[in-house]
Amino acid sequence: MKKKSSLNRPYLRIFFDCCQVYQRVYRNPSGEAYAGCCPRCLRMIRFKIAPHGTSSRGFIVS
């Protein structure tokens, strides 16, 4: 049986300005958004996936 690799999971690279840290934020199981939180202060974020979307993979959250 083959394990599912995290390399194949879509993610965004987020810079949390609040704590000056980067974090990978993965797409949720339903495929409708990317959701995660700051690893230090636990600030929650959610990026909805639009039909035409964007090709950007990195974002700054302030």
C-alpha atoms as a PDB file:
ATOM      1  CA  MET A   1       0.000   0.000   0.000  1.00  0.00           C
ATOM      2  CA  LYS A   2       1.357   3.397  -1.026  1.00  0.00           C
ATOM      3  CA  LYS A   3       1.350   6.271   1.496  1.00  0.00           C
ATOM      4  CA  LYS A   4      -0.130   9.592   0.448  1.00  0.00           C
ATOM      5  CA  SER A   5       2.737  12.071   0.257  1.00  0.00           C
ATOM      6  CA  SER A   6       2.424  15.585   1.669  1.00  0.00           C
ATOM      7  CA  LEU A   7       4.379  16.732  -1.395  1.00  0.00           C
ATOM      8  CA  ASN A   8       1.223  16.257  -3.498  1.00  0.00           C
ATOM      9  CA  ARG A   9      -1.039  18.262  -1.168  1.00  0.00           C
ATOM     10  CA  PRO A  10      -1.744  21.814  -2.383  1.00  0.00           C
ATOM     11  CA  TYR A  11      -0.685  24.536   0.044  1.00  0.00           C
ATOM     12  CA  LEU A  12      -0.069  28.265   0.342  1.00  0.00           C
ATOM     13  CA  ARG A  13       3.017  29.795   1.910  1.00  0.00           C
ATOM     14  CA  ILE A  14       1.817  32.360   4.439  1.00  0.00           C
ATOM     15  CA  PHE A  15       3.908  34.944   6.267  1.00  0.00           C
ATOM     16  CA  PHE A  16       2.210  35.907   9.530  1.00  0.00           C
ATOM     17  CA  ASP A  17       3.271  39.508  10.131  1.00  0.00           C
ATOM     18  CA  CYS A  18       1.886  39.341  13.689  1.00  0.00           C
ATOM     19  CA  CYS A  19       4.668  36.975  14.818  1.00  0.00           C
ATOM     20  CA  GLN A  20       7.135  37.240  11.903  1.00  0.00           C
ATOM     21  CA  VAL A  21       6.872  33.534  10.946  1.00  0.00           C
ATOM     22  CA  TYR A  22       6.099  31.485   7.847  1.00  0.00           C
ATOM     23  CA  GLN A  23       3.626  28.607   7.824  1.00  0.00           C
ATOM     24  CA  ARG A  24       2.277  26.266   5.180  1.00  0.00           C
ATOM     25  CA  VAL A  25      -1.511  26.385   4.980  1.00  0.00           C
ATOM     26  CA  TYR A  26      -3.082  23.356   3.275  1.00  0.00           C
ATOM     27  CA  ARG A  27      -6.325  23.098   1.316  1.00  0.00           C
ATOM     28  CA  ASN A  28      -9.215  21.748   3.389  1.00  0.00           C
ATOM     29  CA  PRO A  29     -10.675  18.305   2.568  1.00  0.00           C
ATOM     30  CA  SER A  30     -13.738  19.771   0.824  1.00  0.00           C
ATOM     31  CA  GLY A  31     -11.453  21.711  -1.542  1.00  0.00           C
ATOM     32  CA  GLU A  32     -13.253  25.018  -1.066  1.00  0.00           C
ATOM     33  CA  ALA A  33     -10.610  26.937   0.936  1.00  0.00           C
ATOM     34  CA  TYR A  34      -7.162  27.007   2.494  1.00  0.00           C
ATOM     35  CA  ALA A  35      -7.382  27.272   6.284  1.00  0.00           C
ATOM     36  CA  GLY A  36      -4.814  27.428   9.039  1.00  0.00           C
ATOM     37  CA  CYS A  37      -3.404  29.446  11.900  1.00  0.00           C
ATOM     38  CA  CYS A  38      -0.282  31.247  13.065  1.00  0.00           C
ATOM     39  CA  PRO A  39       1.974  28.729  14.818  1.00  0.00           C
ATOM     40  CA  ARG A  40       2.733  31.191  17.646  1.00  0.00           C
ATOM     41  CA  CYS A  41      -0.359  33.266  18.453  1.00  0.00           C
ATOM     42  CA  LEU A  42      -2.902  30.900  16.803  1.00  0.00           C
ATOM     43  CA  ARG A  43      -4.507  33.637  14.695  1.00  0.00           C
ATOM     44  CA  MET A  44      -6.909  31.864  12.324  1.00  0.00           C
ATOM     45  CA  ILE A  45      -7.020  32.529   8.574  1.00  0.00           C
ATOM     46  CA  ARG A  46      -9.110  31.231   5.696  1.00  0.00           C
ATOM     47  CA  PHE A  47      -8.618  31.814   1.958  1.00  0.00           C
ATOM     48  CA  LYS A  48     -11.627  30.892  -0.188  1.00  0.00           C
ATOM     49  CA  ILE A  49     -10.804  29.347  -3.563  1.00  0.00           C
ATOM     50  CA  ALA A  50     -12.322  31.363  -6.407  1.00  0.00           C
ATOM     51  CA  PRO A  51     -13.280  29.764  -9.758  1.00  0.00           C
ATOM     52  CA  HIS A  52     -10.516  31.621 -11.622  1.00  0.00           C
ATOM     53  CA  GLY A  53      -8.212  31.971  -8.587  1.00  0.00           C
ATOM     54  CA  THR A  54      -4.645  33.213  -8.724  1.00  0.00           C
ATOM     55  CA  SER A  55      -1.295  31.718  -9.588  1.00  0.00           C
ATOM     56  CA  SER A  56       0.305  33.228  -6.439  1.00  0.00           C
ATOM     57  CA  ARG A  57       1.417  30.718  -3.822  1.00  0.00           C
ATOM     58  CA  GLY A  58       2.684  33.105  -1.139  1.00  0.00           C
ATOM     59  CA  PHE A  59       0.835  35.733   0.882  1.00  0.00           C
ATOM     60  CA  ILE A  60       1.423  38.081   3.828  1.00  0.00           C
ATOM     61  CA  VAL A  61      -1.203  38.198   6.569  1.00  0.00           C
ATOM     62  CA  SER A  62      -1.071  41.324   8.700  1.00  0.00           C
END
